[in-house]
Amino acid sequence: MTAVLLAAAQDPKVHLTSQTRVIAAVIAIAFMLMILELIRRDRLQERFSVVWFVAGIGMLAGAIFPGLLGTVADLMGVRDTNVALFSIILLLLLGLALNFSVIMSRQAAQITRLAQERALEGARKDEAQTSSDKDAGSRNSSAISTTEDAE
Protein backbone atom coordinates (compact mmCIF):
# COMPACT_ATOMS: atom_id res chain seq x y z
CA MET A 1 0.00 0.00 0.00
CA THR A 2 2.76 2.46 0.90
CA ALA A 3 4.57 1.61 -2.32
CA VAL A 4 1.51 2.72 -4.31
CA LEU A 5 1.31 5.98 -2.37
CA LEU A 6 5.03 6.63 -2.86
CA ALA A 7 4.77 5.88 -6.58
CA ALA A 8 1.77 8.22 -6.89
CA ALA A 9 3.58 10.97 -5.00
CA GLN A 10 6.71 10.68 -7.14
CA ASP A 11 4.92 10.54 -10.50
CA PRO A 12 2.82 13.70 -10.88
CA LYS A 13 1.90 12.94 -14.51
CA VAL A 14 -1.75 12.71 -15.44
CA HIS A 15 -2.78 9.23 -16.51
CA LEU A 16 -6.13 9.10 -18.32
CA THR A 17 -7.47 6.10 -20.14
CA SER A 18 -8.78 6.61 -23.63
CA GLN A 19 -12.31 6.01 -22.35
CA THR A 20 -11.91 8.76 -19.73
CA ARG A 21 -10.52 11.12 -22.35
CA VAL A 22 -13.47 10.47 -24.68
CA ILE A 23 -15.97 11.01 -21.86
CA ALA A 24 -14.23 14.25 -20.85
CA ALA A 25 -14.25 15.45 -24.48
CA VAL A 26 -17.96 14.61 -24.86
CA ILE A 27 -18.74 16.49 -21.63
CA ALA A 28 -16.76 19.52 -22.85
CA ILE A 29 -18.53 19.52 -26.22
CA ALA A 30 -21.93 19.09 -24.54
CA PHE A 31 -21.07 22.02 -22.27
CA MET A 32 -20.24 24.25 -25.25
CA LEU A 33 -23.43 23.14 -27.06
CA MET A 34 -25.40 24.03 -23.93
CA ILE A 35 -23.84 27.51 -24.01
CA LEU A 36 -24.89 27.90 -27.65
CA GLU A 37 -28.43 26.79 -26.81
CA LEU A 38 -28.65 29.28 -23.94
CA ILE A 39 -27.55 32.05 -26.31
CA ARG A 40 -30.07 30.94 -28.93
CA ARG A 41 -32.91 31.06 -26.39
CA ASP A 42 -31.79 34.50 -25.12
CA ARG A 43 -31.05 33.08 -21.67
CA LEU A 44 -27.35 34.06 -21.88
CA GLN A 45 -25.96 37.18 -23.48
CA GLU A 46 -23.09 36.87 -25.92
CA ARG A 47 -20.76 39.01 -23.83
CA PHE A 48 -21.00 36.53 -20.93
CA SER A 49 -20.73 33.47 -23.13
CA VAL A 50 -17.08 34.14 -23.99
CA VAL A 51 -15.95 33.23 -20.49
CA TRP A 52 -17.90 30.00 -20.56
CA PHE A 53 -16.64 29.09 -24.03
CA VAL A 54 -13.06 29.58 -22.82
CA ALA A 55 -13.86 27.22 -19.93
CA GLY A 56 -15.27 24.68 -22.41
CA ILE A 57 -12.22 24.96 -24.62
CA GLY A 58 -10.02 24.46 -21.56
CA MET A 59 -11.99 21.32 -20.68
CA LEU A 60 -11.65 20.05 -24.24
CA ALA A 61 -7.92 20.80 -24.31
CA GLY A 62 -7.48 18.94 -21.03
CA ALA A 63 -9.30 15.93 -22.49
CA ILE A 64 -7.36 15.91 -25.75
CA PHE A 65 -3.94 16.72 -24.26
CA PRO A 66 -3.76 15.15 -20.78
CA GLY A 67 -0.08 16.10 -20.45
CA LEU A 68 -1.04 19.77 -20.72
CA LEU A 69 -1.92 19.96 -17.03
CA GLY A 70 1.52 18.57 -16.14
CA THR A 71 3.15 21.25 -18.28
CA VAL A 72 1.05 23.96 -16.64
CA ALA A 73 1.97 22.56 -13.22
CA ASP A 74 5.66 22.71 -14.16
CA LEU A 75 5.27 26.31 -15.34
CA MET A 76 3.55 27.19 -12.06
CA GLY A 77 6.33 25.53 -10.09
CA VAL A 78 3.97 23.00 -8.54
CA ARG A 79 4.85 19.31 -8.24
CA ASP A 80 1.31 17.98 -8.00
CA THR A 81 -1.06 18.42 -10.95
CA ASN A 82 -4.06 18.39 -8.61
CA VAL A 83 -2.74 21.51 -6.87
CA ALA A 84 -2.21 23.18 -10.26
CA LEU A 85 -5.74 22.30 -11.38
CA PHE A 86 -7.22 23.51 -8.09
CA SER A 87 -5.22 26.77 -8.33
CA ILE A 88 -6.35 27.41 -11.91
CA ILE A 89 -10.00 26.75 -11.08
CA LEU A 90 -9.78 28.93 -7.97
CA LEU A 91 -8.31 31.82 -9.98
CA LEU A 92 -10.99 31.44 -12.65
CA LEU A 93 -13.76 31.44 -10.03
CA LEU A 94 -12.31 34.53 -8.36
CA GLY A 95 -12.15 36.24 -11.75
CA LEU A 96 -15.78 35.32 -12.45
CA ALA A 97 -16.88 36.57 -9.04
CA LEU A 98 -15.09 39.88 -9.63
CA ASN A 99 -16.58 40.19 -13.12
CA PHE A 100 -20.11 39.56 -11.86
CA SER A 101 -19.60 41.99 -8.96
CA VAL A 102 -18.65 44.70 -11.44
CA ILE A 103 -21.70 43.91 -13.56
CA MET A 104 -24.00 43.95 -10.50
CA SER A 105 -22.57 47.29 -9.37
CA ARG A 106 -23.13 48.79 -12.80
CA GLN A 107 -26.68 47.48 -12.94
CA ALA A 108 -27.45 48.75 -9.42
CA ALA A 109 -26.31 52.22 -10.48
CA GLN A 110 -28.49 52.00 -13.60
CA ILE A 111 -31.51 50.89 -11.56
CA THR A 112 -31.03 53.79 -9.13
CA ARG A 113 -30.73 56.27 -11.99
CA LEU A 114 -33.83 54.88 -13.72
CA ALA A 115 -35.84 54.95 -10.48
CA GLN A 116 -34.85 58.58 -9.92
CA GLU A 117 -35.78 59.52 -13.49
CA ARG A 118 -39.11 57.72 -13.12
CA ALA A 119 -39.83 59.55 -9.86
CA LEU A 120 -39.07 62.91 -11.49
CA GLU A 121 -41.36 62.08 -14.42
CA GLY A 122 -44.13 61.13 -11.99
CA ALA A 123 -43.67 64.38 -10.06
CA ARG A 124 -43.83 66.38 -13.30
CA LYS A 125 -47.04 64.59 -14.36
CA ASP A 126 -48.59 65.19 -10.93
CA GLU A 127 -47.62 68.86 -11.12
CA ALA A 128 -49.08 69.19 -14.62
CA GLN A 129 -52.26 67.40 -13.51
CA THR A 130 -52.62 69.68 -10.48
CA SER A 131 -52.19 72.83 -12.57
CA SER A 132 -54.69 71.62 -15.18
CA ASP A 133 -57.17 70.80 -12.38
CA LYS A 134 -56.76 74.34 -11.02
CA ASP A 135 -57.35 75.80 -14.49
CA ALA A 136 -60.48 73.68 -14.93
CA GLY A 137 -61.67 74.65 -11.47
CA SER A 138 -61.29 78.38 -12.19
CA ARG A 139 -63.20 77.98 -15.46
CA ASN A 140 -66.01 76.18 -13.64
CA SER A 141 -66.21 78.89 -10.97
CA SER A 142 -66.34 81.63 -13.58
CA ALA A 143 -69.08 79.75 -15.41
CA ILE A 144 -71.03 79.45 -12.18
CA SER A 145 -70.67 83.13 -11.41
CA THR A 146 -71.73 84.02 -14.95
CA THR A 147 -74.83 81.86 -14.55
CA GLU A 148 -75.65 83.50 -11.22
CA ASP A 149 -75.21 86.95 -12.76
CA ALA A 150 -77.60 86.07 -15.55
CA GLU A 151 -80.38 85.20 -13.12
C-alpha atoms as a PDB file:
ATOM      1  CA  MET A   1       0.000   0.000   0.000  1.00  0.00           C
ATOM      2  CA  THR A   2       2.758   2.463   0.900  1.00  0.00           C
ATOM      3  CA  ALA A   3       4.565   1.610  -2.321  1.00  0.00           C
ATOM      4  CA  VAL A   4       1.507   2.720  -4.314  1.00  0.00           C
ATOM      5  CA  LEU A   5       1.310   5.980  -2.369  1.00  0.00           C
ATOM      6  CA  LEU A   6       5.029   6.630  -2.856  1.00  0.00           C
ATOM      7  CA  ALA A   7       4.772   5.882  -6.580  1.00  0.00           C
ATOM      8  CA  ALA A   8       1.771   8.215  -6.892  1.00  0.00           C
ATOM      9  CA  ALA A   9       3.577  10.967  -5.002  1.00  0.00           C
ATOM     10  CA  GLN A  10       6.709  10.676  -7.138  1.00  0.00           C
ATOM     11  CA  ASP A  11       4.922  10.541 -10.504  1.00  0.00           C
ATOM     12  CA  PRO A  12       2.817  13.700 -10.880  1.00  0.00           C
ATOM     13  CA  LYS A  13       1.904  12.937 -14.505  1.00  0.00           C
ATOM     14  CA  VAL A  14      -1.745  12.715 -15.439  1.00  0.00           C
ATOM     15  CA  HIS A  15      -2.782   9.235 -16.514  1.00  0.00           C
ATOM     16  CA  LEU A  16      -6.129   9.103 -18.318  1.00  0.00           C
ATOM     17  CA  THR A  17      -7.468   6.099 -20.136  1.00  0.00           C
ATOM     18  CA  SER A  18      -8.783   6.607 -23.628  1.00  0.00           C
ATOM     19  CA  GLN A  19     -12.312   6.009 -22.349  1.00  0.00           C
ATOM     20  CA  THR A  20     -11.913   8.762 -19.731  1.00  0.00           C
ATOM     21  CA  ARG A  21     -10.520  11.125 -22.347  1.00  0.00           C
ATOM     22  CA  VAL A  22     -13.471  10.470 -24.680  1.00  0.00           C
ATOM     23  CA  ILE A  23     -15.971  11.009 -21.857  1.00  0.00           C
ATOM     24  CA  ALA A  24     -14.228  14.249 -20.848  1.00  0.00           C
ATOM     25  CA  ALA A  25     -14.251  15.453 -24.476  1.00  0.00           C
ATOM     26  CA  VAL A  26     -17.957  14.607 -24.858  1.00  0.00           C
ATOM     27  CA  ILE A  27     -18.743  16.489 -21.625  1.00  0.00           C
ATOM     28  CA  ALA A  28     -16.761  19.522 -22.849  1.00  0.00           C
ATOM     29  CA  ILE A  29     -18.526  19.519 -26.220  1.00  0.00           C
ATOM     30  CA  ALA A  30     -21.931  19.089 -24.536  1.00  0.00           C
ATOM     31  CA  PHE A  31     -21.073  22.017 -22.267  1.00  0.00           C
ATOM     32  CA  MET A  32     -20.244  24.250 -25.252  1.00  0.00           C
ATOM     33  CA  LEU A  33     -23.428  23.144 -27.060  1.00  0.00           C
ATOM     34  CA  MET A  34     -25.405  24.031 -23.929  1.00  0.00           C
ATOM     35  CA  ILE A  35     -23.839  27.512 -24.014  1.00  0.00           C
ATOM     36  CA  LEU A  36     -24.893  27.902 -27.654  1.00  0.00           C
ATOM     37  CA  GLU A  37     -28.432  26.790 -26.805  1.00  0.00           C
ATOM     38  CA  LEU A  38     -28.645  29.284 -23.937  1.00  0.00           C
ATOM     39  CA  ILE A  39     -27.545  32.048 -26.312  1.00  0.00           C
ATOM     40  CA  ARG A  40     -30.073  30.943 -28.930  1.00  0.00           C
ATOM     41  CA  ARG A  41     -32.914  31.063 -26.386  1.00  0.00           C
ATOM     42  CA  ASP A  42     -31.786  34.502 -25.121  1.00  0.00           C
ATOM     43  CA  ARG A  43     -31.050  33.082 -21.674  1.00  0.00           C
ATOM     44  CA  LEU A  44     -27.350  34.056 -21.881  1.00  0.00           C
ATOM     45  CA  GLN A  45     -25.956  37.179 -23.481  1.00  0.00           C
ATOM     46  CA  GLU A  46     -23.085  36.865 -25.920  1.00  0.00           C
ATOM     47  CA  ARG A  47     -20.758  39.009 -23.828  1.00  0.00           C
ATOM     48  CA  PHE A  48     -21.001  36.533 -20.927  1.00  0.00           C
ATOM     49  CA  SER A  49     -20.728  33.466 -23.126  1.00  0.00           C
ATOM     50  CA  VAL A  50     -17.085  34.140 -23.992  1.00  0.00           C
ATOM     51  CA  VAL A  51     -15.947  33.235 -20.489  1.00  0.00           C
ATOM     52  CA  TRP A  52     -17.899  29.998 -20.561  1.00  0.00           C
ATOM     53  CA  PHE A  53     -16.636  29.093 -24.031  1.00  0.00           C
ATOM     54  CA  VAL A  54     -13.064  29.580 -22.821  1.00  0.00           C
ATOM     55  CA  ALA A  55     -13.857  27.219 -19.933  1.00  0.00           C
ATOM     56  CA  GLY A  56     -15.268  24.679 -22.406  1.00  0.00           C
ATOM     57  CA  ILE A  57     -12.216  24.956 -24.623  1.00  0.00           C
ATOM     58  CA  GLY A  58     -10.022  24.457 -21.558  1.00  0.00           C
ATOM     59  CA  MET A  59     -11.995  21.324 -20.675  1.00  0.00           C
ATOM     60  CA  LEU A  60     -11.651  20.046 -24.236  1.00  0.00           C
ATOM     61  CA  ALA A  61      -7.924  20.802 -24.307  1.00  0.00           C
ATOM     62  CA  GLY A  62      -7.482  18.942 -21.027  1.00  0.00           C
ATOM     63  CA  ALA A  63      -9.300  15.931 -22.491  1.00  0.00           C
ATOM     64  CA  ILE A  64      -7.357  15.906 -25.748  1.00  0.00           C
ATOM     65  CA  PHE A  65      -3.938  16.723 -24.261  1.00  0.00           C
ATOM     66  CA  PRO A  66      -3.761  15.150 -20.781  1.00  0.00           C
ATOM     67  CA  GLY A  67      -0.084  16.104 -20.446  1.00  0.00           C
ATOM     68  CA  LEU A  68      -1.037  19.771 -20.718  1.00  0.00           C
ATOM     69  CA  LEU A  69      -1.917  19.964 -17.034  1.00  0.00           C
ATOM     70  CA  GLY A  70       1.520  18.570 -16.142  1.00  0.00           C
ATOM     71  CA  THR A  71       3.146  21.250 -18.283  1.00  0.00           C
ATOM     72  CA  VAL A  72       1.046  23.955 -16.639  1.00  0.00           C
ATOM     73  CA  ALA A  73       1.975  22.558 -13.218  1.00  0.00           C
ATOM     74  CA  ASP A  74       5.656  22.709 -14.157  1.00  0.00           C
ATOM     75  CA  LEU A  75       5.265  26.310 -15.336  1.00  0.00           C
ATOM     76  CA  MET A  76       3.553  27.193 -12.065  1.00  0.00           C
ATOM     77  CA  GLY A  77       6.333  25.526 -10.093  1.00  0.00           C
ATOM     78  CA  VAL A  78       3.968  22.996  -8.535  1.00  0.00           C
ATOM     79  CA  ARG A  79       4.853  19.306  -8.243  1.00  0.00           C
ATOM     80  CA  ASP A  80       1.307  17.975  -8.004  1.00  0.00           C
ATOM     81  CA  THR A  81      -1.057  18.419 -10.948  1.00  0.00           C
ATOM     82  CA  ASN A  82      -4.058  18.390  -8.607  1.00  0.00           C
ATOM     83  CA  VAL A  83      -2.738  21.507  -6.870  1.00  0.00           C
ATOM     84  CA  ALA A  84      -2.211  23.180 -10.257  1.00  0.00           C
ATOM     85  CA  LEU A  85      -5.738  22.305 -11.382  1.00  0.00           C
ATOM     86  CA  PHE A  86      -7.220  23.514  -8.094  1.00  0.00           C
ATOM     87  CA  SER A  87      -5.225  26.768  -8.331  1.00  0.00           C
ATOM     88  CA  ILE A  88      -6.348  27.414 -11.908  1.00  0.00           C
ATOM     89  CA  ILE A  89      -9.999  26.749 -11.077  1.00  0.00           C
ATOM     90  CA  LEU A  90      -9.776  28.932  -7.966  1.00  0.00           C
ATOM     91  CA  LEU A  91      -8.313  31.819  -9.979  1.00  0.00           C
ATOM     92  CA  LEU A  92     -10.995  31.438 -12.652  1.00  0.00           C
ATOM     93  CA  LEU A  93     -13.758  31.444 -10.035  1.00  0.00           C
ATOM     94  CA  LEU A  94     -12.305  34.527  -8.356  1.00  0.00           C
ATOM     95  CA  GLY A  95     -12.150  36.242 -11.747  1.00  0.00           C
ATOM     96  CA  LEU A  96     -15.782  35.317 -12.448  1.00  0.00           C
ATOM     97  CA  ALA A  97     -16.877  36.573  -9.042  1.00  0.00           C
ATOM     98  CA  LEU A  98     -15.094  39.882  -9.629  1.00  0.00           C
ATOM     99  CA  ASN A  99     -16.575  40.186 -13.119  1.00  0.00           C
ATOM    100  CA  PHE A 100     -20.107  39.561 -11.859  1.00  0.00           C
ATOM    101  CA  SER A 101     -19.597  41.986  -8.964  1.00  0.00           C
ATOM    102  CA  VAL A 102     -18.646  44.703 -11.437  1.00  0.00           C
ATOM    103  CA  ILE A 103     -21.704  43.907 -13.556  1.00  0.00           C
ATOM    104  CA  MET A 104     -23.999  43.948 -10.504  1.00  0.00           C
ATOM    105  CA  SER A 105     -22.567  47.288  -9.369  1.00  0.00           C
ATOM    106  CA  ARG A 106     -23.125  48.794 -12.804  1.00  0.00           C
ATOM    107  CA  GLN A 107     -26.685  47.476 -12.935  1.00  0.00           C
ATOM    108  CA  ALA A 108     -27.447  48.748  -9.415  1.00  0.00           C
ATOM    109  CA  ALA A 109     -26.315  52.219 -10.481  1.00  0.00           C
ATOM    110  CA  GLN A 110     -28.493  51.996 -13.603  1.00  0.00           C
ATOM    111  CA  ILE A 111     -31.511  50.893 -11.561  1.00  0.00           C
ATOM    112  CA  THR A 112     -31.025  53.786  -9.129  1.00  0.00           C
ATOM    113  CA  ARG A 113     -30.730  56.268 -11.991  1.00  0.00           C
ATOM    114  CA  LEU A 114     -33.832  54.876 -13.722  1.00  0.00           C
ATOM    115  CA  ALA A 115     -35.841  54.949 -10.478  1.00  0.00           C
ATOM    116  CA  GLN A 116     -34.851  58.582  -9.920  1.00  0.00           C
ATOM    117  CA  GLU A 117     -35.780  59.518 -13.494  1.00  0.00           C
ATOM    118  CA  ARG A 118     -39.110  57.721 -13.121  1.00  0.00           C
ATOM    119  CA  ALA A 119     -39.835  59.550  -9.855  1.00  0.00           C
ATOM    120  CA  LEU A 120     -39.068  62.907 -11.491  1.00  0.00           C
ATOM    121  CA  GLU A 121     -41.363  62.084 -14.419  1.00  0.00           C
ATOM    122  CA  GLY A 122     -44.128  61.130 -11.988  1.00  0.00           C
ATOM    123  CA  ALA A 123     -43.666  64.378 -10.059  1.00  0.00           C
ATOM    124  CA  ARG A 124     -43.834  66.382 -13.297  1.00  0.00           C
ATOM    125  CA  LYS A 125     -47.036  64.594 -14.358  1.00  0.00           C
ATOM    126  CA  ASP A 126     -48.592  65.194 -10.931  1.00  0.00           C
ATOM    127  CA  GLU A 127     -47.624  68.861 -11.123  1.00  0.00           C
ATOM    128  CA  ALA A 128     -49.080  69.189 -14.616  1.00  0.00           C
ATOM    129  CA  GLN A 129     -52.258  67.398 -13.510  1.00  0.00           C
ATOM    130  CA  THR A 130     -52.620  69.676 -10.485  1.00  0.00           C
ATOM    131  CA  SER A 131     -52.189  72.828 -12.568  1.00  0.00           C
ATOM    132  CA  SER A 132     -54.692  71.616 -15.181  1.00  0.00           C
ATOM    133  CA  ASP A 133     -57.174  70.800 -12.383  1.00  0.00           C
ATOM    134  CA  LYS A 134     -56.763  74.338 -11.022  1.00  0.00           C
ATOM    135  CA  ASP A 135     -57.354  75.804 -14.490  1.00  0.00           C
ATOM    136  CA  ALA A 136     -60.475  73.681 -14.929  1.00  0.00           C
ATOM    137  CA  GLY A 137     -61.674  74.654 -11.470  1.00  0.00           C
ATOM    138  CA  SER A 138     -61.288  78.376 -12.192  1.00  0.00           C
ATOM    139  CA  ARG A 139     -63.199  77.978 -15.464  1.00  0.00           C
ATOM    140  CA  ASN A 140     -66.012  76.183 -13.643  1.00  0.00           C
ATOM    141  CA  SER A 141     -66.208  78.888 -10.966  1.00  0.00           C
ATOM    142  CA  SER A 142     -66.339  81.628 -13.576  1.00  0.00           C
ATOM    143  CA  ALA A 143     -69.079  79.746 -15.406  1.00  0.00           C
ATOM    144  CA  ILE A 144     -71.032  79.447 -12.181  1.00  0.00           C
ATOM    145  CA  SER A 145     -70.667  83.130 -11.410  1.00  0.00           C
ATOM    146  CA  THR A 146     -71.735  84.020 -14.951  1.00  0.00           C
ATOM    147  CA  THR A 147     -74.835  81.856 -14.550  1.00  0.00           C
ATOM    148  CA  GLU A 148     -75.645  83.503 -11.218  1.00  0.00           C
ATOM    149  CA  ASP A 149     -75.205  86.950 -12.761  1.00  0.00           C
ATOM    150  CA  ALA A 150     -77.601  86.070 -15.554  1.00  0.00           C
ATOM    151  CA  GLU A 151     -80.380  85.197 -13.116  1.00  0.00           C
END
